[in-house]
Amino acid sequence: MTYLIVAVAAYLLGSIPFGIVMARIFGLGDLRQIGSGNIGTTNVLRTGNKPAAFLTLVLDAGKGAVAVLAARAYGGEDIAGLAGLFAMLGHLYPVFLRFKGGKGVATFLGVLLALSFPVGLAACATWLASALAFRYSSLAALVAAGLAPVYMLVWYHHFGAILVALLSALIYYRHQGNIRRLLDGSEPRIGAKG
């Protein structure tokens, strides 16, 4: 019952679409009709409103971190990982948006920071370095997600690495369209407006 309660609570927390909330607060319109139609930070940035994009990033990462930290305080390390997984699933498939959510990068990074701060920092640094080098948010996310299980194996433990590998697989699955566009050269760069 404890696992079920944590999973449901984490899923509902993860389902809060902060990108849409910020777009409404800042008067940016329906985020699903802008740019890529995605509800995440990169698409909010395409509106040109950097404060809204920053708040979306912080809040989407925060909901992943809060889910993990609250679950850890409530039931220990195993249940913290479960909360991270379900917060991520909530963001990807939110009940409040008919299960059509974002791509999960900020929430993924928030989960990592809460599970293991060194791993989270390494993943964030990897994303930032890749983004600065290539100017593609999606490519930066894919590089960070690809290396995150390795970081987890080095700094945390192998069970955590298995969990993070599953989360990384979700990131890759949700970025299928981006991968195709990266390969054919049509993926928009960071800062391109919708």
C-alpha atoms as a PDB file:
ATOM      1  CA  MET A   1       0.000   0.000   0.000  1.00  0.00           C
ATOM      2  CA  THR A   2       2.879   2.364   0.793  1.00  0.00           C
ATOM      3  CA  TYR A   3       4.381   1.793  -2.645  1.00  0.00           C
ATOM      4  CA  LEU A   4       1.016   2.417  -4.302  1.00  0.00           C
ATOM      5  CA  ILE A   5       0.452   5.653  -2.376  1.00  0.00           C
ATOM      6  CA  VAL A   6       3.917   6.953  -3.260  1.00  0.00           C
ATOM      7  CA  ALA A   7       3.558   5.962  -6.921  1.00  0.00           C
ATOM      8  CA  VAL A   8       0.184   7.707  -7.287  1.00  0.00           C
ATOM      9  CA  ALA A   9       1.313  10.832  -5.429  1.00  0.00           C
ATOM     10  CA  ALA A  10       4.518  11.083  -7.469  1.00  0.00           C
ATOM     11  CA  TYR A  11       2.617  10.545 -10.712  1.00  0.00           C
ATOM     12  CA  LEU A  12       0.130  13.306  -9.876  1.00  0.00           C
ATOM     13  CA  LEU A  13       2.934  15.675  -8.917  1.00  0.00           C
ATOM     14  CA  GLY A  14       4.764  14.862 -12.141  1.00  0.00           C
ATOM     15  CA  SER A  15       1.570  15.468 -14.115  1.00  0.00           C
ATOM     16  CA  ILE A  16       1.443  19.177 -13.231  1.00  0.00           C
ATOM     17  CA  PRO A  17       2.196  20.918 -16.585  1.00  0.00           C
ATOM     18  CA  PHE A  18       4.273  23.845 -15.392  1.00  0.00           C
ATOM     19  CA  GLY A  19       5.098  24.954 -18.950  1.00  0.00           C
ATOM     20  CA  ILE A  20       1.414  25.496 -19.663  1.00  0.00           C
ATOM     21  CA  VAL A  21       0.944  27.168 -16.275  1.00  0.00           C
ATOM     22  CA  MET A  22       3.821  29.583 -16.958  1.00  0.00           C
ATOM     23  CA  ALA A  23       2.579  30.294 -20.480  1.00  0.00           C
ATOM     24  CA  ARG A  24      -0.817  31.274 -19.059  1.00  0.00           C
ATOM     25  CA  ILE A  25       0.649  33.360 -16.236  1.00  0.00           C
ATOM     26  CA  PHE A  26       2.893  35.242 -18.671  1.00  0.00           C
ATOM     27  CA  GLY A  27       0.136  35.592 -21.301  1.00  0.00           C
ATOM     28  CA  LEU A  28       1.979  33.585 -23.941  1.00  0.00           C
ATOM     29  CA  GLY A  29      -1.062  31.694 -25.229  1.00  0.00           C
ATOM     30  CA  ASP A  30      -1.562  27.946 -25.502  1.00  0.00           C
ATOM     31  CA  LEU A  31       1.896  26.409 -25.442  1.00  0.00           C
ATOM     32  CA  ARG A  32       0.617  23.401 -27.373  1.00  0.00           C
ATOM     33  CA  GLN A  33      -0.020  25.725 -30.355  1.00  0.00           C
ATOM     34  CA  ILE A  34       3.467  27.284 -30.278  1.00  0.00           C
ATOM     35  CA  GLY A  35       6.681  25.990 -31.844  1.00  0.00           C
ATOM     36  CA  SER A  36       6.917  22.226 -31.412  1.00  0.00           C
ATOM     37  CA  GLY A  37       3.741  22.104 -29.321  1.00  0.00           C
ATOM     38  CA  ASN A  38       5.725  20.600 -26.451  1.00  0.00           C
ATOM     39  CA  ILE A  39       4.981  21.662 -22.860  1.00  0.00           C
ATOM     40  CA  GLY A  40       8.605  21.888 -21.717  1.00  0.00           C
ATOM     41  CA  THR A  41      11.270  24.525 -21.182  1.00  0.00           C
ATOM     42  CA  THR A  42      12.683  24.585 -24.712  1.00  0.00           C
ATOM     43  CA  ASN A  43       9.301  25.342 -26.245  1.00  0.00           C
ATOM     44  CA  VAL A  44       8.575  28.037 -23.646  1.00  0.00           C
ATOM     45  CA  LEU A  45      11.932  29.566 -24.616  1.00  0.00           C
ATOM     46  CA  ARG A  46      10.751  29.653 -28.240  1.00  0.00           C
ATOM     47  CA  THR A  47       8.165  32.242 -27.193  1.00  0.00           C
ATOM     48  CA  GLY A  48      11.072  34.566 -26.400  1.00  0.00           C
ATOM     49  CA  ASN A  49      10.121  34.822 -22.731  1.00  0.00           C
ATOM     50  CA  LYS A  50      13.239  33.793 -20.808  1.00  0.00           C
ATOM     51  CA  PRO A  51      11.792  34.257 -17.279  1.00  0.00           C
ATOM     52  CA  ALA A  52       8.887  31.932 -18.154  1.00  0.00           C
ATOM     53  CA  ALA A  53      11.321  29.388 -19.594  1.00  0.00           C
ATOM     54  CA  PHE A  54      13.540  29.579 -16.504  1.00  0.00           C
ATOM     55  CA  LEU A  55      10.603  29.091 -14.152  1.00  0.00           C
ATOM     56  CA  THR A  56       9.389  26.148 -16.222  1.00  0.00           C
ATOM     57  CA  LEU A  57      12.840  24.565 -15.991  1.00  0.00           C
ATOM     58  CA  VAL A  58      13.040  25.056 -12.223  1.00  0.00           C
ATOM     59  CA  LEU A  59       9.508  23.849 -11.532  1.00  0.00           C
ATOM     60  CA  ASP A  60       9.686  20.817 -13.838  1.00  0.00           C
ATOM     61  CA  ALA A  61      13.013  19.805 -12.288  1.00  0.00           C
ATOM     62  CA  GLY A  62      11.652  20.627  -8.850  1.00  0.00           C
ATOM     63  CA  LYS A  63       8.687  18.291  -9.106  1.00  0.00           C
ATOM     64  CA  GLY A  64      11.025  15.386  -9.870  1.00  0.00           C
ATOM     65  CA  ALA A  65      13.331  16.297  -7.005  1.00  0.00           C
ATOM     66  CA  VAL A  66      10.494  16.849  -4.521  1.00  0.00           C
ATOM     67  CA  ALA A  67       8.941  13.487  -5.388  1.00  0.00           C
ATOM     68  CA  VAL A  68      12.236  11.690  -4.705  1.00  0.00           C
ATOM     69  CA  LEU A  69      13.119  13.598  -1.536  1.00  0.00           C
ATOM     70  CA  ALA A  70       9.637  13.293  -0.019  1.00  0.00           C
ATOM     71  CA  ALA A  71       9.506   9.569  -0.777  1.00  0.00           C
ATOM     72  CA  ARG A  72      12.974   9.026   0.685  1.00  0.00           C
ATOM     73  CA  ALA A  73      11.945  10.785   3.896  1.00  0.00           C
ATOM     74  CA  TYR A  74       8.756   8.735   3.985  1.00  0.00           C
ATOM     75  CA  GLY A  75      10.029   5.267   3.115  1.00  0.00           C
ATOM     76  CA  GLY A  76      13.720   5.089   2.290  1.00  0.00           C
ATOM     77  CA  GLU A  77      15.899   4.707  -0.772  1.00  0.00           C
ATOM     78  CA  ASP A  78      13.975   2.040  -2.682  1.00  0.00           C
ATOM     79  CA  ILE A  79      10.766   3.987  -2.591  1.00  0.00           C
ATOM     80  CA  ALA A  80      12.634   7.168  -3.590  1.00  0.00           C
ATOM     81  CA  GLY A  81      13.569   5.536  -6.878  1.00  0.00           C
ATOM     82  CA  LEU A  82       9.964   4.477  -7.436  1.00  0.00           C
ATOM     83  CA  ALA A  83       8.822   8.055  -6.850  1.00  0.00           C
ATOM     84  CA  GLY A  84      11.348   9.342  -9.377  1.00  0.00           C
ATOM     85  CA  LEU A  85      10.098   6.905 -11.997  1.00  0.00           C
ATOM     86  CA  PHE A  86       6.442   7.821 -11.453  1.00  0.00           C
ATOM     87  CA  ALA A  87       7.128  11.569 -11.370  1.00  0.00           C
ATOM     88  CA  MET A  88       8.805  11.127 -14.745  1.00  0.00           C
ATOM     89  CA  LEU A  89       5.869   9.097 -16.081  1.00  0.00           C
ATOM     90  CA  GLY A  90       3.522  11.818 -14.819  1.00  0.00           C
ATOM     91  CA  HIS A  91       5.387  14.440 -16.819  1.00  0.00           C
ATOM     92  CA  LEU A  92       5.504  12.301 -19.950  1.00  0.00           C
ATOM     93  CA  TYR A  93       1.902  11.104 -19.721  1.00  0.00           C
ATOM     94  CA  PRO A  94       0.002  13.593 -17.520  1.00  0.00           C
ATOM     95  CA  VAL A  95      -3.537  12.765 -16.559  1.00  0.00           C
ATOM     96  CA  PHE A  96      -4.386  16.485 -16.680  1.00  0.00           C
ATOM     97  CA  LEU A  97      -3.517  16.723 -20.408  1.00  0.00           C
ATOM     98  CA  ARG A  98      -5.059  13.468 -21.606  1.00  0.00           C
ATOM     99  CA  PHE A  99      -1.692  11.732 -21.258  1.00  0.00           C
ATOM    100  CA  LYS A 100       0.041  14.015 -23.801  1.00  0.00           C
ATOM    101  CA  GLY A 101       2.999  15.476 -21.924  1.00  0.00           C
ATOM    102  CA  GLY A 102       6.525  16.703 -22.375  1.00  0.00           C
ATOM    103  CA  LYS A 103       9.799  14.984 -23.075  1.00  0.00           C
ATOM    104  CA  GLY A 104      10.908  14.851 -19.470  1.00  0.00           C
ATOM    105  CA  VAL A 105      14.418  16.313 -19.557  1.00  0.00           C
ATOM    106  CA  ALA A 106      14.063  18.821 -16.711  1.00  0.00           C
ATOM    107  CA  THR A 107      12.137  16.334 -14.570  1.00  0.00           C
ATOM    108  CA  PHE A 108      14.793  13.705 -15.328  1.00  0.00           C
ATOM    109  CA  LEU A 109      17.553  16.056 -14.169  1.00  0.00           C
ATOM    110  CA  GLY A 110      15.597  16.925 -11.019  1.00  0.00           C
ATOM    111  CA  VAL A 111      15.186  13.234 -10.213  1.00  0.00           C
ATOM    112  CA  LEU A 112      18.916  12.670 -10.713  1.00  0.00           C
ATOM    113  CA  LEU A 113      19.882  15.601  -8.485  1.00  0.00           C
ATOM    114  CA  ALA A 114      17.693  14.246  -5.694  1.00  0.00           C
ATOM    115  CA  LEU A 115      18.789  10.613  -6.054  1.00  0.00           C
ATOM    116  CA  SER A 116      22.491  11.473  -6.120  1.00  0.00           C
ATOM    117  CA  PHE A 117      23.643  15.087  -6.193  1.00  0.00           C
ATOM    118  CA  PRO A 118      27.014  14.321  -7.871  1.00  0.00           C
ATOM    119  CA  VAL A 119      25.238  12.336 -10.601  1.00  0.00           C
ATOM    120  CA  GLY A 120      22.730  15.126 -11.118  1.00  0.00           C
ATOM    121  CA  LEU A 121      25.487  17.733 -11.336  1.00  0.00           C
ATOM    122  CA  ALA A 122      27.422  15.615 -13.836  1.00  0.00           C
ATOM    123  CA  ALA A 123      24.309  15.168 -15.990  1.00  0.00           C
ATOM    124  CA  CYS A 124      23.501  18.893 -15.837  1.00  0.00           C
ATOM    125  CA  ALA A 125      27.102  19.761 -16.754  1.00  0.00           C
ATOM    126  CA  THR A 126      26.956  17.293 -19.640  1.00  0.00           C
ATOM    127  CA  TRP A 127      23.725  18.866 -20.897  1.00  0.00           C
ATOM    128  CA  LEU A 128      25.177  22.373 -20.613  1.00  0.00           C
ATOM    129  CA  ALA A 129      28.458  21.503 -22.321  1.00  0.00           C
ATOM    130  CA  SER A 130      26.641  19.748 -25.159  1.00  0.00           C
ATOM    131  CA  ALA A 131      24.152  22.592 -25.549  1.00  0.00           C
ATOM    132  CA  LEU A 132      26.923  25.188 -25.704  1.00  0.00           C
ATOM    133  CA  ALA A 133      28.944  23.105 -28.148  1.00  0.00           C
ATOM    134  CA  PHE A 134      26.159  22.105 -30.552  1.00  0.00           C
ATOM    135  CA  ARG A 135      23.243  24.519 -29.828  1.00  0.00           C
ATOM    136  CA  TYR A 136      20.674  21.712 -29.888  1.00  0.00           C
ATOM    137  CA  SER A 137      18.667  21.190 -26.714  1.00  0.00           C
ATOM    138  CA  SER A 138      17.522  17.753 -27.866  1.00  0.00           C
ATOM    139  CA  LEU A 139      21.057  16.554 -28.625  1.00  0.00           C
ATOM    140  CA  ALA A 140      22.248  17.839 -25.258  1.00  0.00           C
ATOM    141  CA  ALA A 141      19.419  15.919 -23.578  1.00  0.00           C
ATOM    142  CA  LEU A 142      20.282  12.732 -25.439  1.00  0.00           C
ATOM    143  CA  VAL A 143      23.970  12.983 -24.540  1.00  0.00           C
ATOM    144  CA  ALA A 144      23.194  13.671 -20.872  1.00  0.00           C
ATOM    145  CA  ALA A 145      20.633  10.856 -20.726  1.00  0.00           C
ATOM    146  CA  GLY A 146      23.018   8.463 -22.412  1.00  0.00           C
ATOM    147  CA  LEU A 147      25.799   9.128 -19.910  1.00  0.00           C
ATOM    148  CA  ALA A 148      23.628   9.368 -16.791  1.00  0.00           C
ATOM    149  CA  PRO A 149      23.471   5.579 -16.152  1.00  0.00           C
ATOM    150  CA  VAL A 150      27.275   5.476 -16.312  1.00  0.00           C
ATOM    151  CA  TYR A 151      27.526   8.323 -13.808  1.00  0.00           C
ATOM    152  CA  MET A 152      25.036   6.512 -11.578  1.00  0.00           C
ATOM    153  CA  LEU A 153      27.061   3.317 -11.718  1.00  0.00           C
ATOM    154  CA  VAL A 154      30.215   5.187 -10.707  1.00  0.00           C
ATOM    155  CA  TRP A 155      28.815   7.431  -7.949  1.00  0.00           C
ATOM    156  CA  TYR A 156      25.715   5.693  -6.652  1.00  0.00           C
ATOM    157  CA  HIS A 157      25.073   1.948  -7.080  1.00  0.00           C
ATOM    158  CA  HIS A 158      24.107  -0.559  -9.749  1.00  0.00           C
ATOM    159  CA  PHE A 159      20.410  -0.644  -8.808  1.00  0.00           C
ATOM    160  CA  GLY A 160      20.299   3.111  -9.254  1.00  0.00           C
ATOM    161  CA  ALA A 161      22.036   2.723 -12.613  1.00  0.00           C
ATOM    162  CA  ILE A 162      19.315   0.299 -13.732  1.00  0.00           C
ATOM    163  CA  LEU A 163      16.615   2.786 -12.745  1.00  0.00           C
ATOM    164  CA  VAL A 164      18.385   5.642 -14.519  1.00  0.00           C
ATOM    165  CA  ALA A 165      18.891   3.487 -17.619  1.00  0.00           C
ATOM    166  CA  LEU A 166      15.097   3.013 -17.688  1.00  0.00           C
ATOM    167  CA  LEU A 167      14.532   6.758 -17.305  1.00  0.00           C
ATOM    168  CA  SER A 168      17.103   7.418 -20.050  1.00  0.00           C
ATOM    169  CA  ALA A 169      15.307   4.987 -22.340  1.00  0.00           C
ATOM    170  CA  LEU A 170      12.118   7.005 -21.803  1.00  0.00           C
ATOM    171  CA  ILE A 171      14.007  10.167 -22.775  1.00  0.00           C
ATOM    172  CA  TYR A 172      15.210   8.527 -25.992  1.00  0.00           C
ATOM    173  CA  TYR A 173      11.738   7.188 -26.751  1.00  0.00           C
ATOM    174  CA  ARG A 174      10.174  10.628 -26.342  1.00  0.00           C
ATOM    175  CA  HIS A 175      12.861  12.198 -28.551  1.00  0.00           C
ATOM    176  CA  GLN A 176      12.307   9.964 -31.593  1.00  0.00           C
ATOM    177  CA  GLY A 177      11.136  12.894 -33.712  1.00  0.00           C
ATOM    178  CA  ASN A 178      14.080  15.016 -32.578  1.00  0.00           C
ATOM    179  CA  ILE A 179      16.501  12.230 -33.477  1.00  0.00           C
ATOM    180  CA  ARG A 180      15.042  12.058 -37.001  1.00  0.00           C
ATOM    181  CA  ARG A 181      15.305  15.844 -37.371  1.00  0.00           C
ATOM    182  CA  LEU A 182      18.872  15.861 -36.060  1.00  0.00           C
ATOM    183  CA  LEU A 183      19.791  13.264 -38.662  1.00  0.00           C
ATOM    184  CA  ASP A 184      18.168  15.148 -41.552  1.00  0.00           C
ATOM    185  CA  GLY A 185      19.371  18.581 -40.388  1.00  0.00           C
ATOM    186  CA  SER A 186      15.953  20.118 -39.703  1.00  0.00           C
ATOM    187  CA  GLU A 187      16.104  20.236 -35.885  1.00  0.00           C
ATOM    188  CA  PRO A 188      15.778  23.846 -34.606  1.00  0.00           C
ATOM    189  CA  ARG A 189      18.655  25.235 -32.578  1.00  0.00           C
ATOM    190  CA  ILE A 190      18.383  26.690 -29.085  1.00  0.00           C
ATOM    191  CA  GLY A 191      16.917  30.173 -29.199  1.00  0.00           C
ATOM    192  CA  ALA A 192      14.971  29.676 -32.449  1.00  0.00           C
ATOM    193  CA  LYS A 193      11.504  31.165 -32.010  1.00  0.00           C
ATOM    194  CA  GLY A 194       8.336  29.208 -32.776  1.00  0.00           C
END
